Amino acid sequence: MIQSEFAEIRNRAGGKAGSLKIVDSRERLFHFVFTDRRETRRLQTGALYALVAGFRWMVEETPEGTNWKILHPEQWVHRFNELGPEVVAERFVITEASPCAPERRTNDAY
């Protein structure tokens, strides 16, 4: 869900997802198996891992094992819809500020 909707959320918030280096675009559709969605854009896997890590507060460790604090898929969707724009905006700021961003690289860095 995060990988397929990232670009759409960024655009709704006034950004231009197509200009982000962490968004892949192509004419042939990307297929997202778990949601059965098909999109022309997707968030790159490396950026996806960082975003998913931001949701680790939803996991709790107990003596019996690891459990999700939010159990129902509808709750996940609601939480993502609530936090999505903020998470996407923060990822954009981090990406743009990165010294490893392609537009910031120089020959001196290598």
C-alpha atoms as a PDB file:
ATOM      1  CA  MET A   1       0.000   0.000   0.000  1.00  0.00           C
ATOM      2  CA  ILE A   2       2.744   2.454   0.934  1.00  0.00           C
ATOM      3  CA  GLN A   3       4.811   1.605  -2.127  1.00  0.00           C
ATOM      4  CA  SER A   4       1.893   2.000  -4.535  1.00  0.00           C
ATOM      5  CA  GLU A   5       0.304   5.123  -3.011  1.00  0.00           C
ATOM      6  CA  PHE A   6       3.409   7.169  -2.143  1.00  0.00           C
ATOM      7  CA  ALA A   7       3.434   9.154  -5.411  1.00  0.00           C
ATOM      8  CA  GLU A   8      -0.295   9.863  -5.273  1.00  0.00           C
ATOM      9  CA  ILE A   9      -0.070  11.131  -1.689  1.00  0.00           C
ATOM     10  CA  ARG A  10       2.917  13.339  -2.569  1.00  0.00           C
ATOM     11  CA  ASN A  11       1.021  14.873  -5.488  1.00  0.00           C
ATOM     12  CA  ARG A  12      -2.123  15.510  -3.394  1.00  0.00           C
ATOM     13  CA  ALA A  13       0.049  17.331  -0.845  1.00  0.00           C
ATOM     14  CA  GLY A  14       1.221  19.716  -3.577  1.00  0.00           C
ATOM     15  CA  GLY A  15       4.463  17.969  -4.488  1.00  0.00           C
ATOM     16  CA  LYS A  16       5.677  16.495  -7.734  1.00  0.00           C
ATOM     17  CA  ALA A  17       6.328  12.811  -7.180  1.00  0.00           C
ATOM     18  CA  GLY A  18       7.611  12.349 -10.713  1.00  0.00           C
ATOM     19  CA  SER A  19      10.625  14.514  -9.929  1.00  0.00           C
ATOM     20  CA  LEU A  20      11.661  12.446  -6.898  1.00  0.00           C
ATOM     21  CA  LYS A  21      14.649  10.146  -7.351  1.00  0.00           C
ATOM     22  CA  ILE A  22      13.039   7.588  -5.012  1.00  0.00           C
ATOM     23  CA  VAL A  23      10.000   7.074  -7.280  1.00  0.00           C
ATOM     24  CA  ASP A  24      10.261   4.726 -10.255  1.00  0.00           C
ATOM     25  CA  SER A  25       8.035   5.376 -13.280  1.00  0.00           C
ATOM     26  CA  ARG A  26       7.351   3.330 -16.371  1.00  0.00           C
ATOM     27  CA  GLU A  27       4.697   2.840 -19.022  1.00  0.00           C
ATOM     28  CA  ARG A  28       4.211  -0.851 -18.227  1.00  0.00           C
ATOM     29  CA  LEU A  29       2.299  -1.176 -14.956  1.00  0.00           C
ATOM     30  CA  PHE A  30       3.887  -2.285 -11.684  1.00  0.00           C
ATOM     31  CA  HIS A  31       1.803  -5.052 -10.095  1.00  0.00           C
ATOM     32  CA  PHE A  32       1.411  -4.944  -6.314  1.00  0.00           C
ATOM     33  CA  VAL A  33       0.606  -8.519  -5.351  1.00  0.00           C
ATOM     34  CA  PHE A  34      -0.842  -8.010  -1.868  1.00  0.00           C
ATOM     35  CA  THR A  35      -3.321  -5.310  -2.893  1.00  0.00           C
ATOM     36  CA  ASP A  36      -3.731  -6.427  -6.533  1.00  0.00           C
ATOM     37  CA  ARG A  37      -3.194  -2.832  -7.634  1.00  0.00           C
ATOM     38  CA  ARG A  38      -1.451  -1.806 -10.828  1.00  0.00           C
ATOM     39  CA  GLU A  39       0.269   1.570 -11.066  1.00  0.00           C
ATOM     40  CA  THR A  40       2.699   3.376 -13.370  1.00  0.00           C
ATOM     41  CA  ARG A  41       4.782   4.594 -10.405  1.00  0.00           C
ATOM     42  CA  ARG A  42       6.162   3.021  -7.255  1.00  0.00           C
ATOM     43  CA  LEU A  43       8.336   3.975  -4.340  1.00  0.00           C
ATOM     44  CA  GLN A  44      11.782   2.362  -4.549  1.00  0.00           C
ATOM     45  CA  THR A  45      12.348  -0.522  -2.173  1.00  0.00           C
ATOM     46  CA  GLY A  46      15.139   1.182  -0.201  1.00  0.00           C
ATOM     47  CA  ALA A  47      12.909   4.153   0.588  1.00  0.00           C
ATOM     48  CA  LEU A  48      10.006   1.810   1.371  1.00  0.00           C
ATOM     49  CA  TYR A  49      12.035   0.043   4.091  1.00  0.00           C
ATOM     50  CA  ALA A  50      12.707   3.353   5.817  1.00  0.00           C
ATOM     51  CA  LEU A  51       9.003   4.217   5.783  1.00  0.00           C
ATOM     52  CA  VAL A  52       7.921   0.814   7.049  1.00  0.00           C
ATOM     53  CA  ALA A  53      10.435   1.160   9.894  1.00  0.00           C
ATOM     54  CA  GLY A  54       8.562   4.299  10.911  1.00  0.00           C
ATOM     55  CA  PHE A  55       5.571   2.121  11.766  1.00  0.00           C
ATOM     56  CA  ARG A  56       7.485  -0.113  14.186  1.00  0.00           C
ATOM     57  CA  TRP A  57       5.783   1.638  17.104  1.00  0.00           C
ATOM     58  CA  MET A  58       2.733  -0.411  16.107  1.00  0.00           C
ATOM     59  CA  VAL A  59       4.540  -3.605  17.210  1.00  0.00           C
ATOM     60  CA  GLU A  60       4.798  -4.703  20.822  1.00  0.00           C
ATOM     61  CA  GLU A  61       7.012  -7.377  22.297  1.00  0.00           C
ATOM     62  CA  THR A  62       5.527  -9.483  25.086  1.00  0.00           C
ATOM     63  CA  PRO A  63       6.789 -12.591  26.873  1.00  0.00           C
ATOM     64  CA  GLU A  64       4.502 -14.593  24.558  1.00  0.00           C
ATOM     65  CA  GLY A  65       6.035 -13.078  21.424  1.00  0.00           C
ATOM     66  CA  THR A  66       5.665 -10.150  19.053  1.00  0.00           C
ATOM     67  CA  ASN A  67       2.211  -8.749  18.299  1.00  0.00           C
ATOM     68  CA  TRP A  68       0.693  -5.952  16.272  1.00  0.00           C
ATOM     69  CA  LYS A  69      -0.983  -3.254  18.356  1.00  0.00           C
ATOM     70  CA  ILE A  70      -3.365  -2.655  15.460  1.00  0.00           C
ATOM     71  CA  LEU A  71      -4.832  -5.961  14.393  1.00  0.00           C
ATOM     72  CA  HIS A  72      -7.433  -5.281  11.724  1.00  0.00           C
ATOM     73  CA  PRO A  73      -6.535  -4.312   8.143  1.00  0.00           C
ATOM     74  CA  GLU A  74      -9.133  -1.542   8.252  1.00  0.00           C
ATOM     75  CA  GLN A  75      -7.206   0.016  11.140  1.00  0.00           C
ATOM     76  CA  TRP A  76      -3.985  -0.140   9.131  1.00  0.00           C
ATOM     77  CA  VAL A  77      -5.635   1.592   6.201  1.00  0.00           C
ATOM     78  CA  HIS A  78      -7.137   4.251   8.468  1.00  0.00           C
ATOM     79  CA  ARG A  79      -3.785   4.897  10.191  1.00  0.00           C
ATOM     80  CA  PHE A  80      -1.908   5.082   6.889  1.00  0.00           C
ATOM     81  CA  ASN A  81      -4.495   7.469   5.427  1.00  0.00           C
ATOM     82  CA  GLU A  82      -4.158   9.617   8.549  1.00  0.00           C
ATOM     83  CA  LEU A  83      -0.351   9.632   8.700  1.00  0.00           C
ATOM     84  CA  GLY A  84       0.477   9.146   5.008  1.00  0.00           C
ATOM     85  CA  PRO A  85       0.875  12.807   3.983  1.00  0.00           C
ATOM     86  CA  GLU A  86       3.113  13.565   6.970  1.00  0.00           C
ATOM     87  CA  VAL A  87       5.240  10.453   6.431  1.00  0.00           C
ATOM     88  CA  VAL A  88       5.614  11.185   2.712  1.00  0.00           C
ATOM     89  CA  ALA A  89       6.560  14.822   3.367  1.00  0.00           C
ATOM     90  CA  GLU A  90       9.189  13.781   5.912  1.00  0.00           C
ATOM     91  CA  ARG A  91      10.673  11.200   3.511  1.00  0.00           C
ATOM     92  CA  PHE A  92      10.884  13.920   0.852  1.00  0.00           C
ATOM     93  CA  VAL A  93      12.789  16.249   3.208  1.00  0.00           C
ATOM     94  CA  ILE A  94      15.196  13.467   4.193  1.00  0.00           C
ATOM     95  CA  THR A  95      15.817  12.499   0.579  1.00  0.00           C
ATOM     96  CA  GLU A  96      16.446  16.064  -0.557  1.00  0.00           C
ATOM     97  CA  ALA A  97      18.831  16.749   2.341  1.00  0.00           C
ATOM     98  CA  SER A  98      20.848  13.572   1.826  1.00  0.00           C
ATOM     99  CA  PRO A  99      24.480  14.116   0.802  1.00  0.00           C
ATOM    100  CA  CYS A 100      24.039  10.976  -1.321  1.00  0.00           C
ATOM    101  CA  ALA A 101      21.255  12.519  -3.402  1.00  0.00           C
ATOM    102  CA  PRO A 102      22.336  12.267  -7.067  1.00  0.00           C
ATOM    103  CA  GLU A 103      22.105  16.008  -7.653  1.00  0.00           C
ATOM    104  CA  ARG A 104      24.443  16.640  -4.679  1.00  0.00           C
ATOM    105  CA  ARG A 105      27.175  14.209  -5.711  1.00  0.00           C
ATOM    106  CA  THR A 106      30.477  15.534  -6.953  1.00  0.00           C
ATOM    107  CA  ASN A 107      33.596  13.811  -8.192  1.00  0.00           C
ATOM    108  CA  ASP A 108      35.309  14.919  -4.992  1.00  0.00           C
ATOM    109  CA  ALA A 109      33.054  12.649  -2.931  1.00  0.00           C
ATOM    110  CA  TYR A 110      34.511   9.464  -4.431  1.00  0.00           C
END
